[in-house]
Amino acid sequence: MTRISEAFKNGKAFIAFITGGDPDLETTEKLLYTMSEAGADIIEIGIPFSDPIAEGPVIQAASHRALEAGCTTDKLFDLVKKVRKKIDTPIVFMTYINPVYTYGKDKFMSKCNEVGIDGIIVPDLPYEEKGELAPECDKYGVDLISLIAPTSHERISMIAKEAKGFVYCVSSLGVTGVRTEITTDVGAMTKLVRENTDVPCAIGFGISTPEQAADMAQHADGVIVGSAIVRIVGENGRDSIEPVREYVKSMKAALN
């Protein structure tokens, strides 16, 4: 059993996202330990990229800050390797196809395996083109996590049948960001996913409050939160450790 599948064994999973290197790598390291201690079942690290097309303004700004501070993919690999000595929480990279190509597909996945990255999410890699990365992911035991959007319709069952790690169900159209309300029929989405796979499904995009998390958890095996955490980091910088700890605790409690 993989670390990711283990994460869904103890009730609803809380999946927390931060942008790697924002505001600096030292703070990212502390945040990884803190979120793990506070109850995050899986941690997503966004690799900062100059053109993060799936991201809203909050995560775009974080990506810019991280790049300005000198964060690179290699520095994040080194950081994960260091953090892995202390925490066993599953860690997933969220990135785009361009940085993976630039790094070299085989080299990138080999490095993920070496440092202890459990999975990878690539929002701009459509299901129909997953063959671009799937062989390298399989070779090195890295789960290529599929995204399912509200507009996927007849593709949902097709995508779910081949899913690895967990299925990332996108709750809202558009880019990442906090939403005051989520109007998508996520129940219908997750029902279709479950009819086609035993792989857990988690809902993300727009979730920010404990109430939203509890509501979404009724339909899924886990809840993903990114922009709300990244906003706390953006507002508090190096002093974001304790505010993030309290936030993760409150969100995890809401799922239980």
C-alpha atoms as a PDB file:
ATOM      1  CA  MET A   1       0.000   0.000   0.000  1.00  0.00           C
ATOM      2  CA  THR A   2       1.315   3.439  -0.942  1.00  0.00           C
ATOM      3  CA  ARG A   3       1.593   6.391   1.414  1.00  0.00           C
ATOM      4  CA  ILE A   4      -1.194   8.137  -0.508  1.00  0.00           C
ATOM      5  CA  SER A   5      -3.661   5.249  -0.166  1.00  0.00           C
ATOM      6  CA  GLU A   6      -2.760   4.987   3.549  1.00  0.00           C
ATOM      7  CA  ALA A   7      -3.688   8.663   3.985  1.00  0.00           C
ATOM      8  CA  PHE A   8      -7.330   7.890   3.171  1.00  0.00           C
ATOM      9  CA  LYS A   9      -7.617   4.985   5.614  1.00  0.00           C
ATOM     10  CA  ASN A  10      -8.337   7.066   8.733  1.00  0.00           C
ATOM     11  CA  GLY A  11     -11.491   8.940   7.798  1.00  0.00           C
ATOM     12  CA  LYS A  12     -11.675  11.957   5.504  1.00  0.00           C
ATOM     13  CA  ALA A  13      -8.291  13.200   4.301  1.00  0.00           C
ATOM     14  CA  PHE A  14      -7.247  16.849   4.537  1.00  0.00           C
ATOM     15  CA  ILE A  15      -4.897  17.795   1.705  1.00  0.00           C
ATOM     16  CA  ALA A  16      -3.001  21.046   2.197  1.00  0.00           C
ATOM     17  CA  PHE A  17      -1.228  23.001  -0.547  1.00  0.00           C
ATOM     18  CA  ILE A  18       1.586  25.524  -0.301  1.00  0.00           C
ATOM     19  CA  THR A  19       3.769  27.141  -2.935  1.00  0.00           C
ATOM     20  CA  GLY A  20       7.347  25.930  -2.508  1.00  0.00           C
ATOM     21  CA  GLY A  21       9.812  28.698  -1.648  1.00  0.00           C
ATOM     22  CA  ASP A  22       7.223  31.299  -0.588  1.00  0.00           C
ATOM     23  CA  PRO A  23       8.374  33.464   1.089  1.00  0.00           C
ATOM     24  CA  ASP A  24      11.617  31.439   1.284  1.00  0.00           C
ATOM     25  CA  LEU A  25      12.758  27.835   1.515  1.00  0.00           C
ATOM     26  CA  GLU A  26      13.370  27.992   5.276  1.00  0.00           C
ATOM     27  CA  THR A  27       9.745  28.952   5.873  1.00  0.00           C
ATOM     28  CA  THR A  28       8.548  26.242   3.474  1.00  0.00           C
ATOM     29  CA  GLU A  29      10.497  23.668   5.481  1.00  0.00           C
ATOM     30  CA  LYS A  30       8.906  24.827   8.755  1.00  0.00           C
ATOM     31  CA  LEU A  31       5.454  24.844   7.152  1.00  0.00           C
ATOM     32  CA  LEU A  32       5.856  21.255   5.947  1.00  0.00           C
ATOM     33  CA  TYR A  33       6.641  20.064   9.486  1.00  0.00           C
ATOM     34  CA  THR A  34       3.866  22.214  10.956  1.00  0.00           C
ATOM     35  CA  MET A  35       1.126  21.103   8.550  1.00  0.00           C
ATOM     36  CA  SER A  36       2.075  17.471   9.081  1.00  0.00           C
ATOM     37  CA  GLU A  37       1.901  17.900  12.877  1.00  0.00           C
ATOM     38  CA  ALA A  38      -1.400  19.827  12.639  1.00  0.00           C
ATOM     39  CA  GLY A  39      -3.152  16.985  10.829  1.00  0.00           C
ATOM     40  CA  ALA A  40      -2.593  17.380   7.081  1.00  0.00           C
ATOM     41  CA  ASP A  41      -2.924  13.874   5.638  1.00  0.00           C
ATOM     42  CA  ILE A  42      -1.296  14.775   2.310  1.00  0.00           C
ATOM     43  CA  ILE A  43       0.753  17.850   1.421  1.00  0.00           C
ATOM     44  CA  GLU A  44       0.903  19.356  -2.059  1.00  0.00           C
ATOM     45  CA  ILE A  45       3.887  21.542  -2.919  1.00  0.00           C
ATOM     46  CA  GLY A  46       3.479  23.831  -5.890  1.00  0.00           C
ATOM     47  CA  ILE A  47       6.662  24.190  -7.911  1.00  0.00           C
ATOM     48  CA  PRO A  48       6.852  27.926  -8.682  1.00  0.00           C
ATOM     49  CA  PHE A  49       6.444  28.597 -12.382  1.00  0.00           C
ATOM     50  CA  SER A  50       6.317  31.797 -14.435  1.00  0.00           C
ATOM     51  CA  ASP A  51       3.034  30.909 -16.149  1.00  0.00           C
ATOM     52  CA  PRO A  52       0.785  28.940 -13.751  1.00  0.00           C
ATOM     53  CA  ILE A  53      -2.333  28.949 -15.929  1.00  0.00           C
ATOM     54  CA  ALA A  54      -4.590  27.037 -13.507  1.00  0.00           C
ATOM     55  CA  GLU A  55      -3.880  29.411 -10.644  1.00  0.00           C
ATOM     56  CA  GLY A  56      -5.762  32.468  -9.482  1.00  0.00           C
ATOM     57  CA  PRO A  57      -4.106  35.693  -8.266  1.00  0.00           C
ATOM     58  CA  VAL A  58      -3.235  34.405  -4.762  1.00  0.00           C
ATOM     59  CA  ILE A  59      -1.126  31.455  -5.934  1.00  0.00           C
ATOM     60  CA  GLN A  60       0.204  33.374  -8.948  1.00  0.00           C
ATOM     61  CA  ALA A  61       1.571  36.009  -6.564  1.00  0.00           C
ATOM     62  CA  ALA A  62       3.084  33.300  -4.342  1.00  0.00           C
ATOM     63  CA  SER A  63       4.766  31.718  -7.361  1.00  0.00           C
ATOM     64  CA  HIS A  64       6.227  35.101  -8.300  1.00  0.00           C
ATOM     65  CA  ARG A  65       7.513  35.707  -4.756  1.00  0.00           C
ATOM     66  CA  ALA A  66       9.120  32.247  -4.664  1.00  0.00           C
ATOM     67  CA  LEU A  67      10.883  32.741  -8.005  1.00  0.00           C
ATOM     68  CA  GLU A  68      12.065  36.200  -6.915  1.00  0.00           C
ATOM     69  CA  ALA A  69      13.473  34.601  -3.753  1.00  0.00           C
ATOM     70  CA  GLY A  70      15.500  32.178  -5.886  1.00  0.00           C
ATOM     71  CA  CYS A  71      13.485  28.977  -5.515  1.00  0.00           C
ATOM     72  CA  THR A  72      14.265  26.303  -8.124  1.00  0.00           C
ATOM     73  CA  THR A  73      13.064  22.770  -8.767  1.00  0.00           C
ATOM     74  CA  ASP A  74      16.405  21.376  -7.598  1.00  0.00           C
ATOM     75  CA  LYS A  75      16.206  23.337  -4.351  1.00  0.00           C
ATOM     76  CA  LEU A  76      12.736  21.901  -3.727  1.00  0.00           C
ATOM     77  CA  PHE A  77      13.987  18.374  -4.404  1.00  0.00           C
ATOM     78  CA  ASP A  78      16.763  18.946  -1.841  1.00  0.00           C
ATOM     79  CA  LEU A  79      14.244  20.319   0.652  1.00  0.00           C
ATOM     80  CA  VAL A  80      11.902  17.326   0.298  1.00  0.00           C
ATOM     81  CA  LYS A  81      14.847  14.959   0.773  1.00  0.00           C
ATOM     82  CA  LYS A  82      15.697  16.767   4.028  1.00  0.00           C
ATOM     83  CA  VAL A  83      12.082  16.883   5.261  1.00  0.00           C
ATOM     84  CA  ARG A  84      11.572  13.180   4.492  1.00  0.00           C
ATOM     85  CA  LYS A  85      13.966  12.318   7.334  1.00  0.00           C
ATOM     86  CA  LYS A  86      11.417  13.722   9.808  1.00  0.00           C
ATOM     87  CA  ILE A  87       7.933  13.250   8.337  1.00  0.00           C
ATOM     88  CA  ASP A  88       6.192  10.374   6.582  1.00  0.00           C
ATOM     89  CA  THR A  89       3.212  12.397   5.313  1.00  0.00           C
ATOM     90  CA  PRO A  90       2.611  11.824   1.587  1.00  0.00           C
ATOM     91  CA  ILE A  91       3.997  14.695  -0.484  1.00  0.00           C
ATOM     92  CA  VAL A  92       2.758  15.526  -3.975  1.00  0.00           C
ATOM     93  CA  PHE A  93       4.223  18.024  -6.427  1.00  0.00           C
ATOM     94  CA  MET A  94       1.868  20.271  -8.370  1.00  0.00           C
ATOM     95  CA  THR A  95       3.566  21.544 -11.481  1.00  0.00           C
ATOM     96  CA  TYR A  96       3.112  22.127 -15.192  1.00  0.00           C
ATOM     97  CA  ILE A  97       4.308  20.104 -18.152  1.00  0.00           C
ATOM     98  CA  ASN A  98       6.863  22.714 -19.239  1.00  0.00           C
ATOM     99  CA  PRO A  99       9.073  22.519 -16.108  1.00  0.00           C
ATOM    100  CA  VAL A 100       9.008  18.704 -16.284  1.00  0.00           C
ATOM    101  CA  TYR A 101      10.062  18.725 -19.951  1.00  0.00           C
ATOM    102  CA  THR A 102      12.747  21.306 -19.275  1.00  0.00           C
ATOM    103  CA  TYR A 103      14.127  19.222 -16.411  1.00  0.00           C
ATOM    104  CA  GLY A 104      13.854  16.001 -18.420  1.00  0.00           C
ATOM    105  CA  LYS A 105      10.947  13.604 -17.834  1.00  0.00           C
ATOM    106  CA  ASP A 106      13.007  10.591 -16.787  1.00  0.00           C
ATOM    107  CA  LYS A 107      15.349  12.662 -14.638  1.00  0.00           C
ATOM    108  CA  PHE A 108      12.429  14.444 -12.952  1.00  0.00           C
ATOM    109  CA  MET A 109      10.575  11.255 -12.007  1.00  0.00           C
ATOM    110  CA  SER A 110      13.775   9.528 -10.960  1.00  0.00           C
ATOM    111  CA  LYS A 111      14.464  12.451  -8.630  1.00  0.00           C
ATOM    112  CA  CYS A 112      10.879  12.318  -7.269  1.00  0.00           C
ATOM    113  CA  ASN A 113      11.456   8.653  -6.414  1.00  0.00           C
ATOM    114  CA  GLU A 114      14.832   9.379  -4.841  1.00  0.00           C
ATOM    115  CA  VAL A 115      13.629  12.143  -2.497  1.00  0.00           C
ATOM    116  CA  GLY A 116      10.264  10.609  -1.567  1.00  0.00           C
ATOM    117  CA  ILE A 117       7.674  12.429  -3.701  1.00  0.00           C
ATOM    118  CA  ASP A 118       4.569  10.226  -3.835  1.00  0.00           C
ATOM    119  CA  GLY A 119       2.651  11.791  -6.696  1.00  0.00           C
ATOM    120  CA  ILE A 120       2.471  14.564  -9.257  1.00  0.00           C
ATOM    121  CA  ILE A 121      -0.402  16.765 -10.443  1.00  0.00           C
ATOM    122  CA  VAL A 122      -0.036  18.417 -13.855  1.00  0.00           C
ATOM    123  CA  PRO A 123      -3.092  20.627 -14.570  1.00  0.00           C
ATOM    124  CA  ASP A 124      -2.137  21.391 -18.179  1.00  0.00           C
ATOM    125  CA  LEU A 125      -1.672  17.729 -19.144  1.00  0.00           C
ATOM    126  CA  PRO A 126      -5.032  16.521 -20.537  1.00  0.00           C
ATOM    127  CA  TYR A 127      -6.082  12.926 -19.957  1.00  0.00           C
ATOM    128  CA  GLU A 128      -5.708  12.232 -23.679  1.00  0.00           C
ATOM    129  CA  GLU A 129      -2.020  13.158 -23.470  1.00  0.00           C
ATOM    130  CA  LYS A 130      -1.160  11.441 -20.170  1.00  0.00           C
ATOM    131  CA  GLY A 131       1.065   9.071 -22.151  1.00  0.00           C
ATOM    132  CA  GLU A 132       3.578  11.921 -22.190  1.00  0.00           C
ATOM    133  CA  LEU A 133       4.366  11.254 -18.506  1.00  0.00           C
ATOM    134  CA  ALA A 134       2.640   8.016 -17.449  1.00  0.00           C
ATOM    135  CA  PRO A 135       5.490   5.639 -18.484  1.00  0.00           C
ATOM    136  CA  GLU A 136       8.064   7.598 -16.451  1.00  0.00           C
ATOM    137  CA  CYS A 137       5.668   7.862 -13.486  1.00  0.00           C
ATOM    138  CA  ASP A 138       5.055   4.106 -13.556  1.00  0.00           C
ATOM    139  CA  LYS A 139       8.771   3.373 -13.929  1.00  0.00           C
ATOM    140  CA  TYR A 140       9.640   5.298 -10.763  1.00  0.00           C
ATOM    141  CA  GLY A 141       6.509   4.602  -8.700  1.00  0.00           C
ATOM    142  CA  VAL A 142       5.140   8.157  -8.764  1.00  0.00           C
ATOM    143  CA  ASP A 143       1.328   8.454  -8.955  1.00  0.00           C
ATOM    144  CA  LEU A 144       0.167  10.648 -11.857  1.00  0.00           C
ATOM    145  CA  ILE A 145      -2.925  12.173 -10.279  1.00  0.00           C
ATOM    146  CA  SER A 146      -5.850  12.839 -12.625  1.00  0.00           C
ATOM    147  CA  LEU A 147      -7.995  15.956 -12.515  1.00  0.00           C
ATOM    148  CA  ILE A 148     -11.701  15.834 -13.269  1.00  0.00           C
ATOM    149  CA  ALA A 149     -13.495  19.110 -13.990  1.00  0.00           C
ATOM    150  CA  PRO A 150     -17.234  19.886 -13.819  1.00  0.00           C
ATOM    151  CA  THR A 151     -17.164  20.005 -17.644  1.00  0.00           C
ATOM    152  CA  SER A 152     -15.589  16.536 -18.015  1.00  0.00           C
ATOM    153  CA  HIS A 153     -19.038  14.859 -18.313  1.00  0.00           C
ATOM    154  CA  GLU A 154     -18.693  11.665 -20.354  1.00  0.00           C
ATOM    155  CA  ARG A 155     -14.920  11.669 -19.828  1.00  0.00           C
ATOM    156  CA  ILE A 156     -15.276  11.250 -16.045  1.00  0.00           C
ATOM    157  CA  SER A 157     -15.726   7.471 -16.111  1.00  0.00           C
ATOM    158  CA  MET A 158     -12.899   7.096 -18.632  1.00  0.00           C
ATOM    159  CA  ILE A 159     -10.481   9.175 -16.524  1.00  0.00           C
ATOM    160  CA  ALA A 160     -11.523   7.492 -13.261  1.00  0.00           C
ATOM    161  CA  LYS A 161     -10.909   3.975 -14.590  1.00  0.00           C
ATOM    162  CA  GLU A 162      -7.187   4.715 -15.019  1.00  0.00           C
ATOM    163  CA  ALA A 163      -6.714   6.920 -11.932  1.00  0.00           C
ATOM    164  CA  LYS A 164      -3.730   6.546  -9.592  1.00  0.00           C
ATOM    165  CA  GLY A 165      -3.228   7.891  -6.060  1.00  0.00           C
ATOM    166  CA  PHE A 166      -6.422   9.889  -5.791  1.00  0.00           C
ATOM    167  CA  VAL A 167      -8.802  11.567  -8.211  1.00  0.00           C
ATOM    168  CA  TYR A 168      -8.661  15.375  -7.984  1.00  0.00           C
ATOM    169  CA  CYS A 169     -12.244  16.575  -8.484  1.00  0.00           C
ATOM    170  CA  VAL A 170     -12.302  20.264  -9.389  1.00  0.00           C
ATOM    171  CA  SER A 171     -15.274  21.839  -7.626  1.00  0.00           C
ATOM    172  CA  SER A 172     -15.479  25.067  -9.625  1.00  0.00           C
ATOM    173  CA  LEU A 173     -14.882  26.277 -13.136  1.00  0.00           C
ATOM    174  CA  GLY A 174     -12.014  28.716 -13.648  1.00  0.00           C
ATOM    175  CA  VAL A 175      -8.753  29.068 -11.771  1.00  0.00           C
ATOM    176  CA  THR A 176      -7.853  28.307  -8.147  1.00  0.00           C
ATOM    177  CA  GLY A 177      -9.030  30.721  -5.491  1.00  0.00           C
ATOM    178  CA  VAL A 178     -11.342  31.112  -2.518  1.00  0.00           C
ATOM    179  CA  ARG A 179     -15.070  30.931  -3.382  1.00  0.00           C
ATOM    180  CA  THR A 180     -17.896  32.239  -1.187  1.00  0.00           C
ATOM    181  CA  GLU A 181     -20.080  29.400  -2.425  1.00  0.00           C
ATOM    182  CA  ILE A 182     -19.620  26.280  -4.526  1.00  0.00           C
ATOM    183  CA  THR A 183     -22.525  25.638  -6.888  1.00  0.00           C
ATOM    184  CA  THR A 184     -21.218  22.625  -8.821  1.00  0.00           C
ATOM    185  CA  ASP A 185     -23.084  19.355  -8.246  1.00  0.00           C
ATOM    186  CA  VAL A 186     -20.017  17.656  -6.767  1.00  0.00           C
ATOM    187  CA  GLY A 187     -22.141  14.775  -5.513  1.00  0.00           C
ATOM    188  CA  ALA A 188     -22.948  13.752  -9.087  1.00  0.00           C
ATOM    189  CA  MET A 189     -19.265  14.010 -10.044  1.00  0.00           C
ATOM    190  CA  THR A 190     -17.974  11.892  -7.173  1.00  0.00           C
ATOM    191  CA  LYS A 191     -20.782   9.325  -7.643  1.00  0.00           C
ATOM    192  CA  LEU A 192     -19.633   8.775 -11.218  1.00  0.00           C
ATOM    193  CA  VAL A 193     -16.007   8.520 -10.097  1.00  0.00           C
ATOM    194  CA  ARG A 194     -16.886   5.912  -7.471  1.00  0.00           C
ATOM    195  CA  GLU A 195     -18.813   3.847  -9.999  1.00  0.00           C
ATOM    196  CA  ASN A 196     -15.615   3.466 -12.010  1.00  0.00           C
ATOM    197  CA  THR A 197     -12.758   3.199  -9.504  1.00  0.00           C
ATOM    198  CA  ASP A 198     -11.849   2.327  -5.915  1.00  0.00           C
ATOM    199  CA  VAL A 199      -9.207   5.073  -5.950  1.00  0.00           C
ATOM    200  CA  PRO A 200     -10.193   7.788  -3.420  1.00  0.00           C
ATOM    201  CA  CYS A 201     -11.530  11.099  -4.694  1.00  0.00           C
ATOM    202  CA  ALA A 202     -10.749  14.492  -3.188  1.00  0.00           C
ATOM    203  CA  ILE A 203     -12.412  17.818  -3.956  1.00  0.00           C
ATOM    204  CA  GLY A 204     -10.445  21.033  -4.438  1.00  0.00           C
ATOM    205  CA  PHE A 205     -10.616  24.585  -5.893  1.00  0.00           C
ATOM    206  CA  GLY A 206     -12.445  27.208  -3.853  1.00  0.00           C
ATOM    207  CA  ILE A 207     -12.708  25.540  -0.446  1.00  0.00           C
ATOM    208  CA  SER A 208     -11.620  27.820   2.392  1.00  0.00           C
ATOM    209  CA  THR A 209     -13.848  27.489   5.472  1.00  0.00           C
ATOM    210  CA  PRO A 210     -14.409  24.580   7.871  1.00  0.00           C
ATOM    211  CA  GLU A 211     -18.104  24.668   6.891  1.00  0.00           C
ATOM    212  CA  GLN A 212     -17.290  24.294   3.191  1.00  0.00           C
ATOM    213  CA  ALA A 213     -14.826  21.512   3.987  1.00  0.00           C
ATOM    214  CA  ALA A 214     -17.395  19.584   6.037  1.00  0.00           C
ATOM    215  CA  ASP A 215     -19.990  20.028   3.291  1.00  0.00           C
ATOM    216  CA  MET A 216     -17.631  18.823   0.530  1.00  0.00           C
ATOM    217  CA  ALA A 217     -16.448  15.888   2.663  1.00  0.00           C
ATOM    218  CA  GLN A 218     -19.974  14.470   2.561  1.00  0.00           C
ATOM    219  CA  HIS A 219     -19.417  13.787  -1.135  1.00  0.00           C
ATOM    220  CA  ALA A 220     -15.736  12.801  -1.222  1.00  0.00           C
ATOM    221  CA  ASP A 221     -12.915  10.977   0.556  1.00  0.00           C
ATOM    222  CA  GLY A 222     -10.886  14.123   1.048  1.00  0.00           C
ATOM    223  CA  VAL A 223     -10.763  17.899   0.713  1.00  0.00           C
ATOM    224  CA  ILE A 224      -7.978  19.951  -0.883  1.00  0.00           C
ATOM    225  CA  VAL A 225      -7.242  23.520   0.242  1.00  0.00           C
ATOM    226  CA  GLY A 226      -4.666  25.755  -1.419  1.00  0.00           C
ATOM    227  CA  SER A 227      -5.426  29.447  -1.888  1.00  0.00           C
ATOM    228  CA  ALA A 228      -6.676  29.939   1.682  1.00  0.00           C
ATOM    229  CA  ILE A 229      -3.376  28.614   3.099  1.00  0.00           C
ATOM    230  CA  VAL A 230      -1.253  30.446   0.521  1.00  0.00           C
ATOM    231  CA  ARG A 231      -3.087  33.668   1.427  1.00  0.00           C
ATOM    232  CA  ILE A 232      -2.150  33.199   5.106  1.00  0.00           C
ATOM    233  CA  VAL A 233       1.489  32.739   4.056  1.00  0.00           C
ATOM    234  CA  GLY A 234       1.270  35.797   1.793  1.00  0.00           C
ATOM    235  CA  GLU A 235      -0.106  37.971   4.597  1.00  0.00           C
ATOM    236  CA  ASN A 236       2.233  36.739   7.342  1.00  0.00           C
ATOM    237  CA  GLY A 237       5.433  35.753   5.532  1.00  0.00           C
ATOM    238  CA  ARG A 238       7.957  34.170   7.875  1.00  0.00           C
ATOM    239  CA  ASP A 239       5.477  34.597  10.746  1.00  0.00           C
ATOM    240  CA  SER A 240       2.907  32.331   9.064  1.00  0.00           C
ATOM    241  CA  ILE A 241       3.831  29.115  10.913  1.00  0.00           C
ATOM    242  CA  GLU A 242       1.389  29.415  13.814  1.00  0.00           C
ATOM    243  CA  PRO A 243      -1.523  30.876  11.793  1.00  0.00           C
ATOM    244  CA  VAL A 244      -1.161  28.007   9.302  1.00  0.00           C
ATOM    245  CA  ARG A 245      -0.989  25.482  12.155  1.00  0.00           C
ATOM    246  CA  GLU A 246      -4.272  26.762  13.626  1.00  0.00           C
ATOM    247  CA  TYR A 247      -5.939  26.862  10.208  1.00  0.00           C
ATOM    248  CA  VAL A 248      -4.946  23.280   9.303  1.00  0.00           C
ATOM    249  CA  LYS A 249      -6.109  22.076  12.736  1.00  0.00           C
ATOM    250  CA  SER A 250      -9.513  23.722  12.262  1.00  0.00           C
ATOM    251  CA  MET A 251      -9.958  22.298   8.769  1.00  0.00           C
ATOM    252  CA  LYS A 252      -8.943  18.776   9.825  1.00  0.00           C
ATOM    253  CA  ALA A 253     -11.317  18.967  12.803  1.00  0.00           C
ATOM    254  CA  ALA A 254     -14.171  19.961  10.483  1.00  0.00           C
ATOM    255  CA  LEU A 255     -13.658  16.764   8.459  1.00  0.00           C
ATOM    256  CA  ASN A 256     -13.948  14.614  11.562  1.00  0.00           C
END
